[in-house]
Protein backbone atom coordinates (compact mmCIF):
# COMPACT_ATOMS: atom_id res chain seq x y z
CA UNK A 1 -24.41 10.35 1.20
CA UNK A 2 -22.97 9.79 4.69
CA UNK A 3 -25.05 10.78 7.68
CA UNK A 4 -23.47 13.70 9.52
CA UNK A 5 -23.00 12.85 13.19
CA UNK A 6 -22.35 15.73 15.61
CA UNK A 7 -20.61 14.64 18.77
CA UNK A 8 -19.93 17.81 20.78
CA UNK A 9 -18.88 21.45 21.02
CA UNK A 10 -15.58 23.30 21.47
CA UNK A 11 -15.17 24.58 25.03
CA UNK A 12 -11.47 25.51 25.15
CA UNK A 13 -7.94 24.99 23.91
CA UNK A 14 -5.58 26.93 21.67
CA UNK A 15 -3.09 26.78 18.79
CA UNK A 16 -0.23 25.54 20.97
CA UNK A 17 -2.52 23.14 22.79
CA UNK A 18 -5.21 20.78 21.61
CA UNK A 19 -8.80 21.95 21.23
CA UNK A 20 -11.02 20.83 24.11
CA UNK A 21 -14.39 19.45 23.03
CA UNK A 22 -17.28 18.69 25.40
CA UNK A 23 -18.71 15.35 24.27
CA UNK A 24 -22.49 15.15 23.79
CA UNK A 25 -22.71 11.47 22.89
CA UNK A 26 -21.69 8.39 24.92
CA UNK A 27 -17.92 8.22 25.25
CA UNK A 28 -17.76 4.73 23.75
CA UNK A 29 -18.93 6.12 20.39
CA UNK A 30 -15.65 8.00 19.91
CA UNK A 31 -12.17 6.50 19.99
CA UNK A 32 -8.67 7.86 20.25
CA UNK A 33 -7.51 8.59 16.71
CA UNK A 34 -10.95 9.57 15.41
CA UNK A 35 -10.89 12.05 12.52
CA UNK A 36 -13.19 14.94 13.45
CA UNK A 37 -14.31 18.23 11.90
CA UNK A 38 -14.87 21.47 13.82
CA UNK A 39 -17.37 23.69 12.00
CA UNK A 40 -18.02 27.36 12.20
CA UNK A 41 -19.53 29.82 9.76
CA UNK A 42 -16.33 30.61 7.85
CA UNK A 43 -13.94 27.69 8.38
CA UNK A 44 -13.68 23.94 8.78
CA UNK A 45 -10.98 22.65 11.14
CA UNK A 46 -9.69 19.10 10.64
CA UNK A 47 -8.29 17.35 13.68
CA UNK A 48 -7.50 14.10 15.40
CA UNK A 49 -8.80 12.93 18.79
CA UNK A 50 -5.73 12.34 20.93
CA UNK A 51 -7.29 11.84 24.36
CA UNK A 52 -10.60 11.34 26.19
CA UNK A 53 -10.90 12.70 29.75
CA UNK A 54 -13.60 12.24 32.33
CA UNK A 55 -14.72 15.39 34.16
CA UNK A 56 -17.23 16.62 36.71
CA UNK A 57 -18.67 20.00 37.68
CA UNK A 58 -17.99 19.01 41.29
CA UNK A 59 -15.64 16.15 42.30
CA UNK A 60 -18.19 14.88 44.81
CA UNK A 61 -20.55 13.81 42.04
CA UNK A 62 -17.82 11.68 40.52
CA UNK A 63 -16.69 10.22 43.86
CA UNK A 64 -20.09 9.26 45.29
CA UNK A 65 -22.51 7.10 43.22
CA UNK A 66 -26.07 8.48 43.37
CA UNK A 67 -27.90 5.41 42.10
CA UNK A 68 -28.59 4.05 45.58
CA UNK A 69 -29.56 7.40 47.11
CA UNK A 70 -32.10 8.81 44.66
CA UNK A 71 -34.52 7.43 42.09
CA UNK A 72 -32.76 5.99 39.00
CA UNK A 73 -34.27 8.56 36.59
CA UNK A 74 -33.15 11.40 38.89
CA UNK A 75 -29.67 9.90 39.10
CA UNK A 76 -29.50 9.76 35.30
CA UNK A 77 -30.54 13.42 35.00
CA UNK A 78 -28.05 14.40 37.67
CA UNK A 79 -25.21 12.56 35.96
CA UNK A 80 -26.11 14.19 32.65
CA UNK A 81 -25.73 17.63 34.19
CA UNK A 82 -22.72 17.08 36.41
CA UNK A 83 -20.54 14.38 34.80
CA UNK A 84 -19.10 14.70 31.31
CA UNK A 85 -16.34 13.59 28.94
CA UNK A 86 -13.96 15.96 27.17
CA UNK A 87 -11.99 15.24 24.03
CA UNK A 88 -8.56 16.59 23.21
CA UNK A 89 -8.43 17.28 19.49
CA UNK A 90 -5.09 17.92 17.78
CA UNK A 91 -5.83 20.45 15.01
CA UNK A 92 -3.97 19.78 11.77
CA UNK A 93 -5.65 21.63 8.90
CA UNK A 94 -8.24 24.30 8.23
CA UNK A 95 -10.18 25.21 5.08
CA UNK A 96 -12.39 28.16 4.20
CA UNK A 97 -15.96 26.99 3.66
CA UNK A 98 -17.49 30.22 2.35
CA UNK A 99 -21.03 31.59 2.90
CA UNK A 100 -24.11 29.37 3.03
CA UNK A 101 -24.88 27.70 -0.31
CA UNK A 102 -28.33 29.27 -0.60
CA UNK A 103 -27.18 32.82 0.16
CA UNK A 104 -26.46 35.71 -2.21
CA UNK A 105 -23.02 36.05 -0.62
CA UNK A 106 -22.11 32.55 -1.77
CA UNK A 107 -22.68 33.41 -5.44
CA UNK A 108 -20.45 36.46 -5.16
CA UNK A 109 -17.83 34.44 -3.28
CA UNK A 110 -17.83 31.74 -5.95
CA UNK A 111 -17.72 34.32 -8.73
CA UNK A 112 -14.54 35.81 -7.21
CA UNK A 113 -12.93 32.36 -7.19
CA UNK A 114 -13.93 31.64 -10.81
CA UNK A 115 -12.52 35.00 -11.89
CA UNK A 116 -9.19 34.26 -10.24
CA UNK A 117 -9.56 37.09 -7.75
CA UNK A 118 -9.59 34.64 -4.87
CA UNK A 119 -7.85 31.30 -4.38
CA UNK A 120 -9.82 28.09 -4.59
CA UNK A 121 -10.37 26.91 -1.00
CA UNK A 122 -7.91 24.22 0.00
CA UNK A 123 -6.71 22.72 3.27
CA UNK A 124 -3.92 24.77 4.89
CA UNK A 125 -2.09 24.49 8.23
CA UNK A 126 -4.09 25.71 11.22
CA UNK A 127 -3.43 29.40 11.92
CA UNK A 128 -6.38 30.37 14.11
CA UNK A 129 -8.94 28.81 16.44
CA UNK A 130 -12.69 28.25 16.17
CA UNK A 131 -14.98 30.22 18.52
CA UNK A 132 -16.47 28.69 21.66
CA UNK A 133 -19.29 26.21 21.11
CA UNK A 134 -18.37 25.50 17.46
CA UNK A 135 -19.98 22.20 16.57
CA UNK A 136 -17.83 19.10 16.17
CA UNK A 137 -18.68 16.06 14.07
CA UNK A 138 -17.12 12.83 12.90
CA UNK A 139 -15.57 13.03 9.43
CA UNK A 140 -17.56 11.65 6.51
CA UNK A 141 -16.16 9.85 3.46
CA UNK A 142 -16.36 13.19 1.64
CA UNK A 143 -14.16 14.81 4.26
CA UNK A 144 -11.65 11.97 3.96
CA UNK A 145 -11.59 12.36 0.17
CA UNK A 146 -11.19 16.13 0.50
CA UNK A 147 -8.06 15.71 2.60
CA UNK A 148 -6.51 12.42 1.47
CA UNK A 149 -7.74 12.38 -2.13
CA UNK A 150 -10.52 10.76 -4.11
CA UNK A 151 -10.16 6.98 -4.03
CA UNK A 152 -11.37 6.86 -7.65
CA UNK A 153 -8.50 9.04 -8.88
CA UNK A 154 -5.77 7.28 -10.81
CA UNK A 155 -2.62 6.87 -8.72
CA UNK A 156 -4.56 6.93 -5.43
CA UNK A 157 -4.11 3.62 -3.62
CA UNK A 158 -6.54 2.70 -0.85
CA UNK A 159 -4.13 1.90 1.98
CA UNK A 160 -6.75 1.36 4.70
CA UNK A 161 -9.98 2.55 6.32
CA UNK A 162 -10.82 4.82 9.23
CA UNK A 163 -11.27 2.88 12.44
CA UNK A 164 -14.69 4.20 13.50
CA UNK A 165 -16.75 4.30 10.32
CA UNK A 166 -14.63 2.40 7.82
CA UNK A 167 -14.19 5.21 5.29
CA UNK A 168 -11.48 4.43 2.72
CA UNK A 169 -8.22 6.38 2.98
CA UNK A 170 -6.05 6.83 -0.12
CA UNK A 171 -2.30 7.29 -0.48
CA UNK A 172 -1.23 9.32 -3.52
CA UNK A 173 1.41 7.20 -5.25
CA UNK A 174 2.53 10.09 -7.45
CA UNK A 175 3.36 12.16 -4.37
CA UNK A 176 4.68 9.14 -2.46
CA UNK A 177 7.63 8.62 -4.84
CA UNK A 178 8.76 12.25 -4.75
CA UNK A 179 10.52 11.83 -1.40
CA UNK A 180 12.05 8.95 0.50
CA UNK A 181 9.67 7.08 2.79
CA UNK A 182 9.62 4.39 5.45
CA UNK A 183 7.54 1.45 6.67
CA UNK A 184 8.08 0.66 10.36
CA UNK A 185 6.70 -1.70 12.97
CA UNK A 186 7.78 -4.27 15.51
CA UNK A 187 8.38 -7.84 14.38
CA UNK A 188 5.12 -9.57 13.46
CA UNK A 189 3.08 -6.40 12.85
CA UNK A 190 2.73 -7.01 9.12
CA UNK A 191 5.43 -4.75 7.62
CA UNK A 192 5.99 -7.13 4.71
CA UNK A 193 2.29 -7.27 3.83
CA UNK A 194 2.02 -3.50 4.05
CA UNK A 195 5.09 -3.13 1.83
CA UNK A 196 3.55 -5.51 -0.71
CA UNK A 197 0.46 -3.29 -0.86
CA UNK A 198 2.55 -0.19 -1.53
CA UNK A 199 4.75 -1.93 -4.11
CA UNK A 200 1.73 -3.33 -5.92
CA UNK A 201 0.24 0.16 -6.09
CA UNK A 202 3.47 1.67 -7.43
CA UNK A 203 3.77 -1.03 -10.10
CA UNK A 204 0.12 -0.89 -11.14
CA UNK A 205 -0.04 2.90 -11.38
CA UNK A 206 3.38 2.97 -13.06
CA UNK A 207 4.64 5.92 -11.02
CA UNK A 208 8.27 4.75 -10.80
CA UNK A 209 10.62 1.86 -11.41
CA UNK A 210 11.33 -0.18 -8.30
CA UNK A 211 14.49 -1.96 -7.20
CA UNK A 212 13.87 -4.23 -4.21
CA UNK A 213 16.76 -5.67 -2.24
CA UNK A 214 14.76 -8.74 -1.20
CA UNK A 215 16.96 -10.07 1.58
CA UNK A 216 14.48 -12.72 2.75
CA UNK A 217 13.05 -13.64 -0.69
CA UNK A 218 9.56 -12.46 0.29
CA UNK A 219 8.18 -10.26 -2.44
CA UNK A 220 8.71 -11.91 -5.81
CA UNK A 221 7.23 -15.41 -5.78
CA UNK A 222 4.20 -16.92 -4.05
CA UNK A 223 4.69 -17.75 -0.41
CA UNK A 224 2.77 -19.07 2.60
CA UNK A 225 2.08 -16.84 5.62
CA UNK A 226 3.88 -18.19 8.67
CA UNK A 227 1.08 -17.34 11.11
CA UNK A 228 -2.05 -18.27 9.11
CA UNK A 229 -0.73 -20.80 6.61
CA UNK A 230 -2.55 -18.99 3.81
CA UNK A 231 -1.09 -18.42 0.36
CA UNK A 232 0.59 -15.05 -0.20
CA UNK A 233 0.65 -13.97 -3.82
CA UNK A 234 3.99 -12.72 -5.13
CA UNK A 235 4.39 -9.60 -7.24
CA UNK A 236 5.81 -11.64 -10.12
CA UNK A 237 2.60 -13.66 -10.25
CA UNK A 238 0.43 -10.56 -10.78
CA UNK A 239 2.85 -8.50 -12.87
CA UNK A 240 4.71 -11.16 -14.81
CA UNK A 241 5.72 -8.89 -17.70
CA UNK A 242 6.71 -5.93 -15.49
CA UNK A 243 8.69 -7.65 -12.74
CA UNK A 244 12.06 -9.31 -13.19
CA UNK A 245 13.47 -11.52 -10.46
CA UNK A 246 17.25 -11.64 -10.20
CA UNK A 247 19.15 -14.34 -8.33
CA UNK A 248 22.49 -13.56 -6.69
CA UNK A 249 25.17 -15.88 -8.04
CA UNK A 250 25.45 -18.31 -10.96
CA UNK A 251 22.80 -21.02 -10.89
CA UNK A 252 20.94 -19.44 -7.94
CA UNK A 253 17.38 -20.69 -7.44
CA UNK A 254 14.59 -18.80 -5.67
CA UNK A 255 12.16 -21.05 -3.83
CA UNK A 256 13.06 -23.84 -6.24
CA UNK A 257 12.43 -21.71 -9.34
CA UNK A 258 14.80 -20.17 -11.84
CA UNK A 259 15.05 -16.38 -11.72
CA UNK A 260 14.78 -14.28 -14.87
CA UNK A 261 18.55 -13.90 -14.81
CA UNK A 262 21.44 -14.13 -12.37
CA UNK A 263 23.77 -11.48 -11.03
CA UNK A 264 27.50 -12.05 -10.75
CA UNK A 265 29.81 -9.24 -9.67
CA UNK A 266 33.11 -8.71 -11.44
CA UNK A 267 36.16 -8.19 -9.26
CA UNK A 268 36.82 -5.06 -11.35
CA UNK A 269 33.51 -3.55 -10.16
CA UNK A 270 34.52 -3.63 -6.49
CA UNK A 271 36.25 -0.43 -5.51
CA UNK A 272 38.05 0.60 -2.29
CA UNK A 273 35.00 2.58 -1.07
CA UNK A 274 32.93 -0.61 -1.26
CA UNK A 275 35.44 -2.39 0.97
CA UNK A 276 35.68 0.48 3.44
CA UNK A 277 31.94 0.24 4.01
CA UNK A 278 32.54 -3.28 5.30
CA UNK A 279 34.88 -2.04 8.04
CA UNK A 280 32.66 -3.08 10.93
CA UNK A 281 31.61 -6.39 9.36
CA UNK A 282 35.19 -7.40 8.49
CA UNK A 283 36.75 -5.68 11.53
CA UNK A 284 39.11 -3.65 9.34
CA UNK A 285 41.83 -1.48 10.88
CA UNK A 286 42.59 2.22 10.58
CA UNK A 287 45.40 1.42 8.14
CA UNK A 288 42.99 -0.08 5.58
CA UNK A 289 42.41 3.06 3.44
CA UNK A 290 46.18 3.59 3.05
CA UNK A 291 46.72 -0.01 1.97
CA UNK A 292 43.80 0.10 -0.47
CA UNK A 293 45.10 3.32 -2.04
CA UNK A 294 48.48 1.68 -2.57
CA UNK A 295 46.86 -1.35 -4.21
CA UNK A 296 44.90 0.85 -6.63
CA UNK A 297 48.02 2.91 -7.42
CA UNK A 298 49.97 -0.27 -8.17
CA UNK A 299 47.41 -2.33 -10.10
CA UNK A 300 44.63 0.08 -11.14
CA UNK A 301 40.93 0.23 -10.25
CA UNK A 302 40.01 -2.79 -12.38
CA UNK A 303 42.72 -5.22 -11.26
CA UNK A 304 43.63 -4.43 -7.64
CA UNK A 305 41.29 -6.95 -6.01
CA UNK A 306 42.21 -9.80 -8.31
CA UNK A 307 45.95 -9.17 -7.95
CA UNK A 308 45.72 -8.85 -4.19
CA UNK A 309 43.72 -12.08 -3.97
CA UNK A 310 46.40 -14.01 -5.90
CA UNK A 311 49.24 -12.89 -3.66
CA UNK A 312 50.69 -15.48 -1.31
CA UNK A 313 51.24 -14.81 2.37
CA UNK A 314 54.39 -15.75 4.24
CA UNK A 315 56.29 -17.15 1.25
CA UNK A 316 60.06 -16.57 1.48
CA UNK A 317 63.15 -17.22 -0.65
CA UNK A 318 66.89 -16.90 -0.06
CA UNK A 319 68.70 -14.01 -1.68
CA UNK A 320 72.30 -14.04 -2.98
CA UNK A 321 73.60 -13.69 0.55
CA UNK A 322 71.53 -16.60 1.82
CA UNK A 323 69.17 -14.32 3.73
CA UNK A 324 65.52 -15.29 3.82
CA UNK A 325 63.37 -12.54 2.22
CA UNK A 326 59.73 -12.31 1.08
CA UNK A 327 59.16 -14.21 -2.17
CA UNK A 328 58.15 -12.35 -5.32
CA UNK A 329 54.37 -12.29 -5.63
CA UNK A 330 53.84 -12.33 -1.88
CA UNK A 331 51.93 -9.76 0.14
CA UNK A 332 55.08 -8.91 2.08
CA UNK A 333 57.17 -8.35 -1.04
CA UNK A 334 54.59 -6.02 -2.51
CA UNK A 335 54.31 -4.14 0.80
CA UNK A 336 58.09 -3.55 0.97
CA UNK A 337 58.13 -2.37 -2.65
CA UNK A 338 55.42 0.29 -2.14
CA UNK A 339 56.34 1.36 1.37
CA UNK A 340 53.40 -0.22 3.23
CA UNK A 341 53.88 -1.90 6.59
CA UNK A 342 53.90 -5.66 5.83
CA UNK A 343 51.79 -6.51 8.86
CA UNK A 344 49.10 -4.04 7.74
CA UNK A 345 49.05 -5.59 4.28
CA UNK A 346 48.95 -9.13 5.70
CA UNK A 347 46.14 -8.17 8.08
CA UNK A 348 44.03 -6.72 5.26
CA UNK A 349 44.62 -9.78 3.08
CA UNK A 350 43.48 -12.01 5.92
CA UNK A 351 40.37 -9.91 6.55
CA UNK A 352 39.42 -9.93 2.86
CA UNK A 353 39.47 -13.72 2.58
CA UNK A 354 35.74 -13.71 3.29
CA UNK A 355 35.33 -11.40 0.31
CA UNK A 356 37.65 -13.48 -1.88
CA UNK A 357 35.58 -16.60 -1.16
CA UNK A 358 32.20 -15.18 -2.23
CA UNK A 359 30.93 -17.39 -5.05
CA UNK A 360 29.20 -14.57 -6.92
CA UNK A 361 32.35 -12.40 -7.10
CA UNK A 362 34.21 -13.59 -10.21
CA UNK A 363 36.85 -12.26 -12.59
CA UNK A 364 34.74 -12.68 -15.73
CA UNK A 365 30.94 -12.87 -15.18
CA UNK A 366 28.98 -14.88 -17.74
CA UNK A 367 26.88 -11.76 -18.38
CA UNK A 368 26.87 -8.15 -17.22
CA UNK A 369 24.09 -8.50 -14.64
CA UNK A 370 24.53 -4.97 -13.27
CA UNK A 371 24.10 -3.48 -16.73
CA UNK A 372 21.03 -5.66 -17.27
CA UNK A 373 19.45 -4.43 -14.01
CA UNK A 374 20.05 -0.78 -14.88
CA UNK A 375 18.69 -1.33 -18.40
CA UNK A 376 15.51 -2.92 -17.02
CA UNK A 377 14.93 -0.08 -14.54
CA UNK A 378 15.43 2.56 -17.23
CA UNK A 379 12.93 0.73 -19.44
CA UNK A 380 10.24 0.97 -16.76
CA UNK A 381 10.49 -2.56 -15.41
CA UNK A 382 10.85 -3.52 -11.76
CA UNK A 383 13.69 -5.61 -10.36
CA UNK A 384 13.58 -7.81 -7.27
CA UNK A 385 17.07 -8.92 -6.29
CA UNK A 386 16.72 -12.08 -4.20
CA UNK A 387 19.75 -13.03 -2.15
CA UNK A 388 18.84 -16.72 -1.89
CA UNK A 389 21.39 -18.53 0.23
CA UNK A 390 23.74 -15.55 0.14
CA UNK A 391 21.91 -13.84 2.98
CA UNK A 392 24.66 -12.91 5.43
CA UNK A 393 25.22 -9.32 6.49
CA UNK A 394 28.41 -9.27 4.41
CA UNK A 395 26.46 -10.22 1.26
CA UNK A 396 23.77 -7.64 1.95
CA UNK A 397 26.15 -4.78 2.73
CA UNK A 398 28.46 -5.42 -0.23
CA UNK A 399 25.85 -5.99 -2.94
CA UNK A 400 23.40 -3.26 -1.96
CA UNK A 401 26.07 -0.58 -1.63
CA UNK A 402 27.93 -1.49 -4.81
CA UNK A 403 24.80 -1.76 -6.94
CA UNK A 404 23.30 1.42 -5.53
CA UNK A 405 26.54 3.33 -6.11
CA UNK A 406 26.52 2.39 -9.81
CA UNK A 407 22.81 3.15 -10.18
CA UNK A 408 23.30 6.52 -8.54
CA UNK A 409 26.04 7.36 -11.05
CA UNK A 410 23.80 6.41 -13.97
CA UNK A 411 20.81 8.42 -12.75
CA UNK A 412 22.98 11.47 -12.11
CA UNK A 413 24.34 11.22 -15.67
CA UNK A 414 20.84 10.89 -17.12
CA UNK A 415 19.55 13.84 -15.08
CA UNK A 416 22.43 16.08 -16.10
CA UNK A 417 21.86 15.16 -19.77
CA UNK A 418 18.16 15.90 -19.37
CA UNK A 419 18.79 19.33 -17.85
CA UNK A 420 21.55 20.36 -20.23
CA UNK A 421 20.27 19.05 -23.57
CA UNK A 422 16.55 18.45 -22.96
CA UNK A 423 16.86 14.70 -23.46
CA UNK A 424 14.27 12.29 -22.09
CA UNK A 425 13.51 12.80 -18.41
CA UNK A 426 14.95 10.02 -16.22
CA UNK A 427 12.36 7.61 -14.94
CA UNK A 428 11.75 7.99 -11.18
CA UNK A 429 13.33 5.17 -9.21
CA UNK A 430 12.44 3.85 -5.75
CA UNK A 431 15.05 1.66 -4.03
CA UNK A 432 13.50 -0.60 -1.40
CA UNK A 433 15.81 -1.50 1.49
CA UNK A 434 15.00 -4.07 4.16
CA UNK A 435 16.85 -4.19 7.49
CA UNK A 436 17.65 -0.53 6.87
CA UNK A 437 19.41 -0.03 10.22
CA UNK A 438 22.28 -2.22 8.97
CA UNK A 439 23.00 0.32 6.23
CA UNK A 440 21.82 3.55 7.81
CA UNK A 441 23.02 3.41 11.39
CA UNK A 442 25.01 6.29 12.84
CA UNK A 443 28.40 4.68 12.11
CA UNK A 444 27.71 3.92 8.44
CA UNK A 445 25.15 6.49 7.32
CA UNK A 446 27.68 9.18 6.46
CA UNK A 447 29.56 6.76 4.18
CA UNK A 448 26.82 4.88 2.36
CA UNK A 449 25.20 5.79 -0.92
CA UNK A 450 21.82 5.28 0.76
CA UNK A 451 22.37 8.22 3.07
CA UNK A 452 23.26 10.39 0.07
CA UNK A 453 20.08 9.29 -1.69
CA UNK A 454 17.94 10.16 1.32
CA UNK A 455 19.53 13.61 1.62
CA UNK A 456 20.22 14.67 -1.95
CA UNK A 457 19.11 12.37 -4.76
CA UNK A 458 15.47 13.45 -4.87
CA UNK A 459 16.59 16.02 -7.44
CA UNK A 460 17.98 13.13 -9.49
CA UNK A 461 14.64 11.24 -9.37
CA UNK A 462 15.87 8.56 -6.93
CA UNK A 463 14.25 7.94 -3.53
CA UNK A 464 14.33 5.26 -0.85
CA UNK A 465 11.64 3.11 0.74
CA UNK A 466 13.19 1.78 3.93
CA UNK A 467 11.65 -1.04 5.95
CA UNK A 468 12.72 -1.63 9.53
CA UNK A 469 11.59 -2.80 12.95
CA UNK A 470 14.12 -0.66 14.87
CA UNK A 471 13.87 2.90 13.53
CA UNK A 472 15.75 4.22 16.57
CA UNK A 473 18.91 2.61 15.18
CA UNK A 474 18.65 4.58 11.92
CA UNK A 475 20.68 7.79 11.86
CA UNK A 476 18.41 10.68 12.85
CA UNK A 477 19.58 12.83 9.92
CA UNK A 478 18.26 10.14 7.56
CA UNK A 479 14.99 9.79 9.47
CA UNK A 480 14.43 13.53 9.20
CA UNK A 481 14.57 13.27 5.39
CA UNK A 482 11.77 10.72 5.14
CA UNK A 483 8.59 12.11 3.63
CA UNK A 484 5.84 9.56 4.15
CA UNK A 485 6.02 7.31 7.21
CA UNK A 486 3.74 4.31 7.67
CA UNK A 487 4.13 2.74 11.09
CA UNK A 488 2.57 -0.22 12.80
CA UNK A 489 2.74 -0.85 16.53
CA UNK A 490 6.09 -0.11 18.19
CA UNK A 491 6.74 -1.18 21.75
CA UNK A 492 10.01 0.62 22.37
CA UNK A 493 9.86 4.26 23.40
CA UNK A 494 13.04 5.10 21.45
CA UNK A 495 11.55 3.63 18.27
CA UNK A 496 8.35 5.64 18.73
CA UNK A 497 10.36 8.82 19.25
CA UNK A 498 12.40 8.15 16.10
CA UNK A 499 9.34 7.61 13.89
CA UNK A 500 7.71 10.82 15.14
CA UNK A 501 10.86 12.96 14.85
CA UNK A 502 10.29 16.21 13.03
CA UNK A 503 6.48 15.95 13.09
CA UNK A 504 4.19 18.59 14.59
CA UNK A 505 2.19 17.40 17.60
CA UNK A 506 4.45 14.41 18.19
CA UNK A 507 3.82 14.44 21.94
CA UNK A 508 0.10 13.97 21.32
CA UNK A 509 0.75 11.26 18.73
CA UNK A 510 3.16 9.22 20.86
CA UNK A 511 0.53 7.52 22.99
CA UNK A 512 -1.66 6.86 19.96
CA UNK A 513 1.18 5.10 18.15
CA UNK A 514 1.97 2.99 21.23
CA UNK A 515 -1.68 1.89 21.50
CA UNK A 516 -2.16 0.67 17.94
CA UNK A 517 -3.38 -2.89 17.58
CA UNK A 518 -0.38 -5.19 17.04
CA UNK A 519 -1.74 -6.15 13.62
CA UNK A 520 -3.77 -4.42 10.91
CA UNK A 521 -3.58 -0.92 12.38
CA UNK A 522 -1.07 1.64 11.15
CA UNK A 523 -0.40 5.34 11.50
CA UNK A 524 0.02 7.43 8.34
CA UNK A 525 2.31 10.41 8.91
CA UNK A 526 4.66 12.84 7.23
CA UNK A 527 4.95 14.85 4.05
CA UNK A 528 3.10 12.37 1.84
CA UNK A 529 -0.15 12.65 3.80
CA UNK A 530 -1.87 15.93 4.68
CA UNK A 531 -2.24 15.05 8.36
CA UNK A 532 -1.50 12.12 10.69
CA UNK A 533 -4.20 9.47 10.75
CA UNK A 534 -4.47 5.97 12.27
CA UNK A 535 -6.20 3.51 9.93
CA UNK A 536 -7.06 -0.15 9.73
CA UNK A 537 -4.71 -1.31 7.00
CA UNK A 538 -6.39 -3.31 4.29
CA UNK A 539 -5.68 -6.99 3.84
CA UNK A 540 -3.33 -8.30 1.19
CA UNK A 541 -5.83 -10.74 -0.29
CA UNK A 542 -7.94 -11.54 -3.36
CA UNK A 543 -10.23 -8.57 -2.68
CA UNK A 544 -7.25 -6.22 -2.81
CA UNK A 545 -6.12 -7.61 -6.15
CA UNK A 546 -9.64 -7.56 -7.54
CA UNK A 547 -10.06 -3.89 -6.68
CA UNK A 548 -6.56 -2.93 -7.82
CA UNK A 549 -6.53 -4.75 -11.13
CA UNK A 550 -10.25 -4.53 -11.88
CA UNK A 551 -10.79 -8.25 -12.26
CA UNK A 552 -11.37 -11.34 -10.19
CA UNK A 553 -8.07 -12.02 -8.49
CA UNK A 554 -8.85 -15.58 -7.43
CA UNK A 555 -10.24 -16.61 -10.80
CA UNK A 556 -12.78 -18.76 -9.01
CA UNK A 557 -16.57 -18.79 -8.96
CA UNK A 558 -18.50 -16.14 -7.09
CA UNK A 559 -19.82 -17.11 -3.70
CA UNK A 560 -23.52 -17.03 -2.87
CA UNK A 561 -22.92 -14.01 -0.64
CA UNK A 562 -21.20 -12.13 -3.52
CA UNK A 563 -24.06 -12.92 -5.91
CA UNK A 564 -26.62 -11.65 -3.38
CA UNK A 565 -24.63 -8.46 -2.87
CA UNK A 566 -24.58 -7.79 -6.61
CA UNK A 567 -28.37 -8.22 -6.74
CA UNK A 568 -28.82 -5.67 -3.95
CA UNK A 569 -29.69 -8.00 -1.07
């Protein structure tokens, strides 16, 4: 059992402010971000240290050192009485503790709970304040488990440890998938490693199917860390039967290896709304929607792109009168026939040449890769779509939006069937999006399927996990819909403000987030965790895999240190 360490007493504060705690131990024993408990007879208050402030009963004692004027032991006594340190504690939760365990009142209190006359005590938002001089202590592992969940419980993934005492902190994967979430941090703060931890937990505990748009080919196969040169185990290596790697385009290779299958997109799958989402990337004009509607009206949803691609531009013939007119089969001839301005049609054709030239967009794919992806996700497998060499913004925007649009349609159909005829419940799906600001910025968010998922598709069992280094560029309406937020260090004030948007006590948390260590420290926040908490994130290494999978991840021999530890030395 953990040793209980009392550190001070409450001397002020309020509900709208932080609690003020007079520290009774050396200031260097408590850090910003410490998880502390305020005790009184009836309640426990759970809070976070947000600031440490030096104080003095009289400013003169702080301004003028006494060590040279009086004996050292007298100076120490004087300092102890006149100089002090106060903590600011942001209260987050409170829980009824009941009478003393050895009292007659406790038995009656417990009997009322067992009989259902009184609710089982549980953490609730803070609604009152503790009295003056309530004792304050550092949280124990039991307190952490009470709030964040027992680390031994199935579906609870140990995401990190408290910074002061190293107590494990769990993230409930079952709750995590119920709302969209985000992983943030400046470049080089370990977002990819943190995402691997979360994805491994989701796959192992089988809480949802996962579709990862792996833009940089990071998550599937083994890799080497750029900063340390150490091997980074891919998810396919550990979950070979559960994870399917898909390569974009016929014959695509991922790190020199063949994927499980390849994805080609049929021209008939690309619809006008998919093209309109590329407006900024292709620099499309305001006339584009009108021209696209005319193409669909003329050729149909399945054939418009192919027919438009085959049209010539600028071809002319002479009519009976010898006048030069657009040739049949040309863009201009079609435009005149349907009443579209020829220059608008020619401009769109020119802009779409980049789309026409994509190697993975074909008239007749060798296999229906989209159907195969959806089938795998419905069957409980996990799909990592690696873009390989097709890693331009155009590739990313087109493929992610088109595939997500079709998946959304399928999950809505399945959910409606489930609710109307009691068929099998759709399997929860988490769509993982890197470089999220490219898809969810203010200009595009209202048009993309991803924004709809963040706002509405939770009821259809689909959520997002967005990964980004510039959260300030993500539309604030989308950020407000994120449940769990895991953030590493952020240097930009706008990014910090975006991550904390909608959270209680964000002013107190801002400085804490800015002062995280650049690596291996993260802040857990939002709906998926009971209260904000900075933690040392665990390493993505053999120890992680050993603890997650219950076996030796490295497969090697035990070290002498490990053998001694097992023997109790």
